[in-house]
């Protein structure tokens, strides 16, 4: 057993793909970096609830949340613990309407994410698209139910 336990803020991210197989990426207003939509969980909020809330707040989209495709932890430059969970998501309908947290968005081919995203998010896209191509993605349709 370790005595050096990670105390971390939990965030959730969505690998949102449309019918054409393109992935939604958003550009942060703070540093202009690109990322997958999502954010931090609120106290008492389930990961799926938090992901749906964050994606809707940031993009105006309602999504179908499927399976977890990747999780990772790290300590940031401020020595703060972070833990992120990435989910495979499908776009239901509608167009992107950004919040003030982001200045731009675009739907890109999965291979284009390698030029835009950080390594853990690139890996999440790769896993989600590989599982989707293999037909193993099972969308949880109950994720759109009111909570």
N, C-alpha and C. Protein backbone atom coordinates (compact mmCIF):
# COMPACT_ATOMS: atom_id res chain seq x y z
N UNK A 1 0.85 -1.18 0.00
CA UNK A 1 0.00 0.00 0.00
C UNK A 1 0.89 1.24 0.00
N UNK A 2 0.48 2.22 -0.77
CA UNK A 2 1.26 3.45 -0.85
C UNK A 2 0.75 4.48 0.15
N UNK A 3 1.65 5.28 0.64
CA UNK A 3 1.28 6.38 1.53
C UNK A 3 1.10 7.67 0.76
N UNK A 4 1.46 7.66 -0.51
CA UNK A 4 1.40 8.86 -1.35
C UNK A 4 0.20 8.76 -2.30
N UNK A 5 -1.01 8.92 -1.74
CA UNK A 5 -2.23 8.78 -2.52
C UNK A 5 -2.50 10.03 -3.34
N UNK A 6 -3.04 9.85 -4.53
CA UNK A 6 -3.40 10.97 -5.39
C UNK A 6 -4.75 11.52 -4.94
N UNK A 7 -4.77 12.77 -4.58
CA UNK A 7 -6.02 13.49 -4.34
C UNK A 7 -6.23 14.34 -5.58
N UNK A 8 -7.34 14.09 -6.29
CA UNK A 8 -7.47 14.68 -7.62
C UNK A 8 -8.85 15.26 -7.88
N UNK A 9 -8.87 16.30 -8.70
CA UNK A 9 -10.09 16.82 -9.28
C UNK A 9 -10.45 15.90 -10.44
N UNK A 10 -11.73 15.52 -10.53
CA UNK A 10 -12.18 14.61 -11.58
C UNK A 10 -12.82 15.40 -12.71
N UNK A 11 -12.41 15.07 -13.93
CA UNK A 11 -13.06 15.66 -15.09
C UNK A 11 -13.51 14.56 -16.03
N UNK A 12 -14.48 14.90 -16.86
CA UNK A 12 -15.02 13.98 -17.85
C UNK A 12 -14.96 14.66 -19.21
N UNK A 13 -14.65 13.87 -20.24
CA UNK A 13 -14.53 14.38 -21.61
C UNK A 13 -15.32 13.48 -22.55
N UNK A 14 -15.85 14.07 -23.60
CA UNK A 14 -16.61 13.30 -24.58
C UNK A 14 -15.91 13.25 -25.92
N UNK A 15 -15.74 12.05 -26.45
CA UNK A 15 -15.30 11.88 -27.84
C UNK A 15 -16.60 11.85 -28.63
N UNK A 16 -17.04 13.03 -29.07
CA UNK A 16 -18.33 13.16 -29.76
C UNK A 16 -18.09 13.02 -31.26
N UNK A 17 -18.78 12.07 -31.86
CA UNK A 17 -18.65 11.92 -33.31
C UNK A 17 -20.02 12.03 -33.95
N UNK A 18 -20.02 12.61 -35.16
CA UNK A 18 -21.26 12.77 -35.90
C UNK A 18 -21.45 11.61 -36.87
N UNK A 19 -22.50 11.67 -37.66
CA UNK A 19 -22.83 10.58 -38.60
C UNK A 19 -21.73 10.37 -39.64
N UNK A 20 -20.95 11.41 -39.92
CA UNK A 20 -19.86 11.31 -40.89
C UNK A 20 -18.57 10.77 -40.28
N UNK A 21 -18.58 10.50 -38.97
CA UNK A 21 -17.39 9.98 -38.30
C UNK A 21 -16.40 11.06 -37.90
N UNK A 22 -16.79 12.33 -37.99
CA UNK A 22 -15.92 13.42 -37.57
C UNK A 22 -16.05 13.64 -36.07
N UNK A 23 -14.98 14.14 -35.46
CA UNK A 23 -14.89 14.35 -34.01
C UNK A 23 -15.00 15.85 -33.71
N UNK A 24 -15.78 16.20 -32.69
CA UNK A 24 -15.91 17.60 -32.28
C UNK A 24 -14.76 17.98 -31.36
N UNK A 25 -14.06 19.05 -31.72
CA UNK A 25 -13.03 19.63 -30.86
C UNK A 25 -13.39 21.10 -30.64
N UNK A 26 -13.02 21.60 -29.47
CA UNK A 26 -13.30 22.99 -29.11
C UNK A 26 -12.01 23.68 -28.67
N UNK A 27 -11.94 24.97 -28.96
CA UNK A 27 -10.73 25.74 -28.64
C UNK A 27 -10.99 26.61 -27.41
N UNK A 28 -10.17 26.39 -26.36
CA UNK A 28 -10.33 27.14 -25.11
C UNK A 28 -10.06 28.63 -25.31
N UNK A 29 -10.80 29.45 -24.62
CA UNK A 29 -10.59 30.89 -24.69
C UNK A 29 -9.38 31.33 -23.86
N UNK A 30 -9.00 30.53 -22.86
CA UNK A 30 -7.91 30.94 -21.97
C UNK A 30 -6.54 30.84 -22.61
N UNK A 31 -6.26 29.75 -23.31
CA UNK A 31 -4.91 29.56 -23.88
C UNK A 31 -4.92 29.18 -25.35
N UNK A 32 -6.10 29.16 -25.95
CA UNK A 32 -6.27 28.85 -27.38
C UNK A 32 -5.98 27.38 -27.74
N UNK A 33 -5.74 26.51 -26.75
CA UNK A 33 -5.51 25.10 -27.03
C UNK A 33 -6.83 24.42 -27.39
N UNK A 34 -6.73 23.36 -28.19
CA UNK A 34 -7.89 22.56 -28.57
C UNK A 34 -8.05 21.41 -27.59
N UNK A 35 -9.31 21.01 -27.37
CA UNK A 35 -9.61 19.92 -26.45
C UNK A 35 -10.92 19.26 -26.83
N UNK A 36 -11.17 18.10 -26.24
CA UNK A 36 -12.47 17.47 -26.34
C UNK A 36 -13.41 18.17 -25.36
N UNK A 37 -14.69 18.32 -25.71
CA UNK A 37 -15.63 18.96 -24.78
C UNK A 37 -15.76 18.17 -23.48
N UNK A 38 -15.98 18.90 -22.40
CA UNK A 38 -16.16 18.29 -21.09
C UNK A 38 -15.65 19.21 -20.01
N UNK A 39 -15.56 18.69 -18.81
CA UNK A 39 -15.08 19.51 -17.72
C UNK A 39 -15.16 18.77 -16.40
N UNK A 40 -15.14 19.53 -15.32
CA UNK A 40 -15.08 18.97 -13.98
C UNK A 40 -16.45 18.58 -13.46
N UNK A 41 -16.44 17.54 -12.66
CA UNK A 41 -17.67 17.09 -12.01
C UNK A 41 -18.00 17.99 -10.82
N UNK A 42 -19.28 18.16 -10.60
CA UNK A 42 -19.75 18.83 -9.39
C UNK A 42 -19.91 17.80 -8.29
N UNK A 43 -19.86 18.25 -7.06
CA UNK A 43 -20.03 17.34 -5.93
C UNK A 43 -21.38 16.65 -6.02
N UNK A 44 -21.38 15.31 -5.87
CA UNK A 44 -22.61 14.53 -5.88
C UNK A 44 -23.14 14.20 -7.27
N UNK A 45 -22.44 14.61 -8.30
CA UNK A 45 -22.89 14.40 -9.68
C UNK A 45 -22.27 13.11 -10.23
N UNK A 46 -23.06 12.31 -10.92
CA UNK A 46 -22.50 11.10 -11.53
C UNK A 46 -21.66 11.51 -12.74
N UNK A 47 -20.69 10.69 -13.13
CA UNK A 47 -19.87 11.04 -14.29
C UNK A 47 -20.70 11.27 -15.56
N UNK A 48 -21.68 10.45 -15.83
CA UNK A 48 -22.50 10.63 -17.04
C UNK A 48 -23.34 11.91 -16.97
N UNK A 49 -23.91 12.19 -15.80
CA UNK A 49 -24.66 13.43 -15.62
C UNK A 49 -23.74 14.63 -15.85
N UNK A 50 -22.56 14.58 -15.24
CA UNK A 50 -21.61 15.68 -15.37
C UNK A 50 -21.17 15.88 -16.81
N UNK A 51 -20.94 14.79 -17.52
CA UNK A 51 -20.53 14.90 -18.92
C UNK A 51 -21.63 15.51 -19.77
N UNK A 52 -22.86 15.03 -19.61
CA UNK A 52 -23.97 15.61 -20.37
C UNK A 52 -24.13 17.09 -20.06
N UNK A 53 -24.03 17.45 -18.77
CA UNK A 53 -24.15 18.86 -18.38
C UNK A 53 -23.05 19.69 -19.00
N UNK A 54 -21.80 19.24 -18.85
CA UNK A 54 -20.67 20.01 -19.38
C UNK A 54 -20.75 20.19 -20.90
N UNK A 55 -21.07 19.10 -21.62
CA UNK A 55 -21.16 19.20 -23.08
C UNK A 55 -22.28 20.15 -23.48
N UNK A 56 -23.42 20.06 -22.79
CA UNK A 56 -24.52 20.96 -23.13
C UNK A 56 -24.15 22.42 -22.81
N UNK A 57 -23.52 22.65 -21.66
CA UNK A 57 -23.12 24.02 -21.30
C UNK A 57 -22.11 24.59 -22.30
N UNK A 58 -21.15 23.77 -22.72
CA UNK A 58 -20.08 24.25 -23.59
C UNK A 58 -20.47 24.34 -25.06
N UNK A 59 -21.36 23.44 -25.51
CA UNK A 59 -21.63 23.35 -26.95
C UNK A 59 -23.10 23.49 -27.32
N UNK A 60 -24.00 23.40 -26.35
CA UNK A 60 -25.43 23.41 -26.66
C UNK A 60 -25.94 22.08 -27.17
N UNK A 61 -25.08 21.07 -27.28
CA UNK A 61 -25.47 19.77 -27.82
C UNK A 61 -25.95 18.83 -26.72
N UNK A 62 -26.91 17.99 -27.08
CA UNK A 62 -27.28 16.85 -26.25
C UNK A 62 -26.64 15.64 -26.92
N UNK A 63 -26.04 14.78 -26.15
CA UNK A 63 -25.32 13.64 -26.72
C UNK A 63 -25.80 12.33 -26.11
N UNK A 64 -25.53 11.26 -26.83
CA UNK A 64 -25.73 9.91 -26.31
C UNK A 64 -24.39 9.45 -25.76
N UNK A 65 -24.37 9.12 -24.49
CA UNK A 65 -23.13 8.71 -23.83
C UNK A 65 -23.03 7.19 -23.86
N UNK A 66 -21.92 6.68 -24.40
CA UNK A 66 -21.70 5.23 -24.46
C UNK A 66 -20.72 4.84 -23.37
N UNK A 67 -19.71 4.10 -23.74
CA UNK A 67 -18.79 3.51 -22.77
C UNK A 67 -17.56 4.39 -22.50
N UNK A 68 -16.92 4.12 -21.38
CA UNK A 68 -15.63 4.74 -21.07
C UNK A 68 -14.61 4.17 -22.05
N UNK A 69 -13.83 5.07 -22.66
CA UNK A 69 -12.79 4.60 -23.58
C UNK A 69 -11.39 4.78 -23.03
N UNK A 70 -11.22 5.70 -22.08
CA UNK A 70 -9.88 5.93 -21.51
C UNK A 70 -10.02 6.68 -20.20
N UNK A 71 -9.11 6.40 -19.29
CA UNK A 71 -8.99 7.16 -18.05
C UNK A 71 -7.51 7.38 -17.80
N UNK A 72 -7.19 8.54 -17.27
CA UNK A 72 -5.79 8.82 -16.96
C UNK A 72 -5.69 9.80 -15.79
N UNK A 73 -4.54 9.76 -15.13
CA UNK A 73 -4.29 10.67 -14.01
C UNK A 73 -2.93 11.31 -14.19
N UNK A 74 -2.77 12.48 -13.59
CA UNK A 74 -1.52 13.21 -13.66
C UNK A 74 -1.49 14.28 -12.57
N UNK A 75 -0.34 14.87 -12.37
CA UNK A 75 -0.19 16.01 -11.47
C UNK A 75 0.22 17.18 -12.36
N UNK A 76 -0.55 18.27 -12.29
CA UNK A 76 -0.27 19.41 -13.17
C UNK A 76 0.90 20.25 -12.66
N UNK A 77 1.20 21.31 -13.38
CA UNK A 77 2.36 22.15 -13.04
C UNK A 77 2.19 22.88 -11.71
N UNK A 78 0.96 23.00 -11.23
CA UNK A 78 0.70 23.61 -9.93
C UNK A 78 0.71 22.56 -8.82
N UNK A 79 1.16 21.34 -9.13
CA UNK A 79 1.24 20.23 -8.19
C UNK A 79 -0.14 19.79 -7.70
N UNK A 80 -1.16 19.91 -8.55
CA UNK A 80 -2.51 19.51 -8.23
C UNK A 80 -2.85 18.22 -8.98
N UNK A 81 -3.46 17.27 -8.26
CA UNK A 81 -3.84 16.02 -8.87
C UNK A 81 -5.04 16.16 -9.79
N UNK A 82 -4.99 15.44 -10.90
CA UNK A 82 -6.08 15.44 -11.88
C UNK A 82 -6.38 14.00 -12.29
N UNK A 83 -7.65 13.72 -12.55
CA UNK A 83 -8.08 12.41 -13.03
C UNK A 83 -9.14 12.66 -14.09
N UNK A 84 -8.94 12.13 -15.29
CA UNK A 84 -9.89 12.36 -16.39
C UNK A 84 -10.43 11.04 -16.90
N UNK A 85 -11.72 11.04 -17.21
CA UNK A 85 -12.40 9.89 -17.79
C UNK A 85 -12.99 10.34 -19.12
N UNK A 86 -12.67 9.59 -20.19
CA UNK A 86 -13.14 9.92 -21.54
C UNK A 86 -14.20 8.91 -21.96
N UNK A 87 -15.32 9.42 -22.44
CA UNK A 87 -16.44 8.58 -22.89
C UNK A 87 -16.63 8.72 -24.39
N UNK A 88 -17.04 7.63 -25.01
CA UNK A 88 -17.48 7.65 -26.40
C UNK A 88 -18.89 8.23 -26.42
N UNK A 89 -19.14 9.20 -27.31
CA UNK A 89 -20.45 9.86 -27.38
C UNK A 89 -20.88 10.03 -28.82
N UNK A 90 -22.18 9.97 -29.04
CA UNK A 90 -22.74 10.24 -30.35
C UNK A 90 -23.56 11.51 -30.31
N UNK A 91 -23.47 12.31 -31.37
CA UNK A 91 -24.27 13.53 -31.47
C UNK A 91 -25.70 13.15 -31.79
N UNK A 92 -26.66 13.76 -31.11
CA UNK A 92 -28.06 13.47 -31.39
C UNK A 92 -28.57 14.36 -32.52
N UNK A 93 -28.50 15.63 -32.35
CA UNK A 93 -28.87 16.58 -33.39
C UNK A 93 -28.50 17.98 -32.92
N UNK A 94 -28.76 18.96 -33.76
CA UNK A 94 -28.49 20.34 -33.39
C UNK A 94 -27.13 20.80 -33.88
N UNK A 95 -26.91 22.09 -33.70
CA UNK A 95 -25.63 22.66 -34.11
C UNK A 95 -24.92 23.20 -32.88
N UNK A 96 -23.62 23.34 -33.00
CA UNK A 96 -22.79 23.77 -31.88
C UNK A 96 -23.03 25.26 -31.59
N UNK A 97 -23.29 25.57 -30.34
CA UNK A 97 -23.41 26.95 -29.87
C UNK A 97 -22.48 27.07 -28.67
N UNK A 98 -21.33 27.71 -28.87
CA UNK A 98 -20.28 27.74 -27.85
C UNK A 98 -20.60 28.67 -26.69
N UNK A 99 -20.14 28.28 -25.50
CA UNK A 99 -20.17 29.15 -24.33
C UNK A 99 -18.96 30.06 -24.38
N UNK A 100 -18.83 30.92 -23.39
CA UNK A 100 -17.68 31.83 -23.31
C UNK A 100 -16.37 31.11 -23.00
N UNK A 101 -16.45 29.83 -22.60
CA UNK A 101 -15.24 29.07 -22.28
C UNK A 101 -14.42 28.75 -23.53
N UNK A 102 -15.06 28.82 -24.69
CA UNK A 102 -14.39 28.44 -25.94
C UNK A 102 -14.61 29.49 -27.01
N UNK A 103 -13.63 29.61 -27.91
CA UNK A 103 -13.71 30.62 -28.97
C UNK A 103 -13.97 30.01 -30.34
N UNK A 104 -13.81 28.70 -30.48
CA UNK A 104 -14.01 28.08 -31.77
C UNK A 104 -14.31 26.59 -31.57
N UNK A 105 -14.90 26.00 -32.59
CA UNK A 105 -15.15 24.56 -32.60
C UNK A 105 -15.05 24.10 -34.04
N UNK A 106 -14.77 22.82 -34.20
CA UNK A 106 -14.80 22.24 -35.53
C UNK A 106 -14.93 20.74 -35.44
N UNK A 107 -15.54 20.19 -36.49
CA UNK A 107 -15.65 18.75 -36.65
C UNK A 107 -14.49 18.33 -37.53
N UNK A 108 -13.66 17.43 -37.03
CA UNK A 108 -12.47 17.03 -37.77
C UNK A 108 -12.42 15.51 -37.94
N UNK A 109 -11.71 15.10 -38.96
CA UNK A 109 -11.47 13.66 -39.15
C UNK A 109 -10.63 13.17 -37.97
N UNK A 110 -10.85 11.94 -37.51
CA UNK A 110 -10.12 11.44 -36.33
C UNK A 110 -8.61 11.61 -36.42
N UNK A 111 -8.01 11.39 -37.58
CA UNK A 111 -6.56 11.52 -37.69
C UNK A 111 -6.08 12.96 -37.51
N UNK A 112 -6.93 13.94 -37.77
CA UNK A 112 -6.58 15.36 -37.59
C UNK A 112 -6.42 15.71 -36.10
N UNK A 113 -7.06 14.93 -35.21
CA UNK A 113 -6.94 15.22 -33.78
C UNK A 113 -5.50 15.09 -33.29
N UNK A 114 -4.70 14.30 -34.02
CA UNK A 114 -3.29 14.13 -33.62
C UNK A 114 -2.51 15.45 -33.69
N UNK A 115 -2.99 16.39 -34.48
CA UNK A 115 -2.33 17.69 -34.61
C UNK A 115 -2.91 18.72 -33.65
N UNK A 116 -4.03 18.39 -33.00
CA UNK A 116 -4.74 19.39 -32.20
C UNK A 116 -4.78 19.09 -30.71
N UNK A 117 -4.89 17.82 -30.35
CA UNK A 117 -5.15 17.45 -28.96
C UNK A 117 -3.91 16.94 -28.24
N UNK A 118 -3.99 16.88 -26.92
CA UNK A 118 -2.92 16.28 -26.12
C UNK A 118 -2.98 14.76 -26.25
N UNK A 119 -1.91 14.09 -25.87
CA UNK A 119 -1.78 12.64 -26.08
C UNK A 119 -2.91 11.82 -25.46
N UNK A 120 -3.32 12.05 -24.21
CA UNK A 120 -4.40 11.22 -23.66
C UNK A 120 -5.72 11.39 -24.43
N UNK A 121 -5.99 12.59 -24.91
CA UNK A 121 -7.21 12.80 -25.67
C UNK A 121 -7.11 12.18 -27.06
N UNK A 122 -5.94 12.21 -27.67
CA UNK A 122 -5.72 11.54 -28.96
C UNK A 122 -5.96 10.05 -28.79
N UNK A 123 -5.44 9.48 -27.71
CA UNK A 123 -5.62 8.04 -27.45
C UNK A 123 -7.09 7.71 -27.26
N UNK A 124 -7.84 8.57 -26.57
CA UNK A 124 -9.27 8.34 -26.36
C UNK A 124 -10.01 8.34 -27.70
N UNK A 125 -9.66 9.27 -28.58
CA UNK A 125 -10.28 9.31 -29.91
C UNK A 125 -9.97 8.03 -30.66
N UNK A 126 -8.72 7.61 -30.64
CA UNK A 126 -8.31 6.40 -31.36
C UNK A 126 -9.09 5.18 -30.86
N UNK A 127 -9.19 5.04 -29.54
CA UNK A 127 -9.90 3.89 -28.97
C UNK A 127 -11.38 3.94 -29.34
N UNK A 128 -12.00 5.11 -29.20
CA UNK A 128 -13.43 5.24 -29.52
C UNK A 128 -13.71 4.91 -30.98
N UNK A 129 -12.86 5.39 -31.87
CA UNK A 129 -13.10 5.14 -33.29
C UNK A 129 -12.78 3.70 -33.67
N UNK A 130 -11.81 3.10 -33.04
CA UNK A 130 -11.48 1.70 -33.30
C UNK A 130 -12.64 0.80 -32.86
N UNK A 131 -13.18 1.07 -31.67
CA UNK A 131 -14.30 0.27 -31.17
C UNK A 131 -15.54 0.50 -32.02
N UNK A 132 -15.74 1.74 -32.47
CA UNK A 132 -16.89 2.06 -33.32
C UNK A 132 -16.79 1.30 -34.65
N UNK A 133 -15.60 1.30 -35.25
CA UNK A 133 -15.41 0.60 -36.52
C UNK A 133 -15.59 -0.90 -36.37
N UNK A 134 -15.26 -1.42 -35.20
CA UNK A 134 -15.41 -2.86 -34.96
C UNK A 134 -16.85 -3.22 -34.59
N UNK A 135 -17.69 -2.19 -34.44
CA UNK A 135 -19.09 -2.45 -34.13
C UNK A 135 -19.36 -2.77 -32.69
N UNK A 136 -18.40 -2.48 -31.81
CA UNK A 136 -18.58 -2.84 -30.41
C UNK A 136 -19.16 -1.71 -29.57
N UNK A 137 -19.43 -0.57 -30.19
CA UNK A 137 -19.97 0.55 -29.43
C UNK A 137 -21.44 0.32 -29.13
N UNK A 138 -21.80 0.45 -27.87
CA UNK A 138 -23.20 0.29 -27.48
C UNK A 138 -23.65 1.55 -26.79
N UNK A 139 -24.37 2.39 -27.48
CA UNK A 139 -24.84 3.66 -26.92
C UNK A 139 -25.84 3.39 -25.81
N UNK A 140 -25.68 4.05 -24.70
CA UNK A 140 -26.60 3.96 -23.58
C UNK A 140 -27.67 5.04 -23.81
N UNK A 141 -28.80 4.67 -24.38
CA UNK A 141 -29.85 5.62 -24.72
C UNK A 141 -30.52 6.19 -23.48
N UNK A 142 -30.38 5.55 -22.34
CA UNK A 142 -30.99 6.07 -21.13
C UNK A 142 -30.25 7.31 -20.63
N UNK A 143 -29.08 7.60 -21.20
CA UNK A 143 -28.28 8.74 -20.75
C UNK A 143 -28.96 10.07 -21.04
N UNK A 144 -29.97 10.09 -21.92
CA UNK A 144 -30.65 11.34 -22.24
C UNK A 144 -31.87 11.57 -21.36
N UNK A 145 -32.17 10.63 -20.48
CA UNK A 145 -33.31 10.77 -19.59
C UNK A 145 -33.07 11.91 -18.62
N UNK A 146 -34.12 12.55 -18.22
CA UNK A 146 -34.01 13.64 -17.25
C UNK A 146 -33.56 13.11 -15.91
N UNK A 147 -32.66 13.83 -15.28
CA UNK A 147 -32.17 13.43 -13.96
C UNK A 147 -32.56 14.46 -12.94
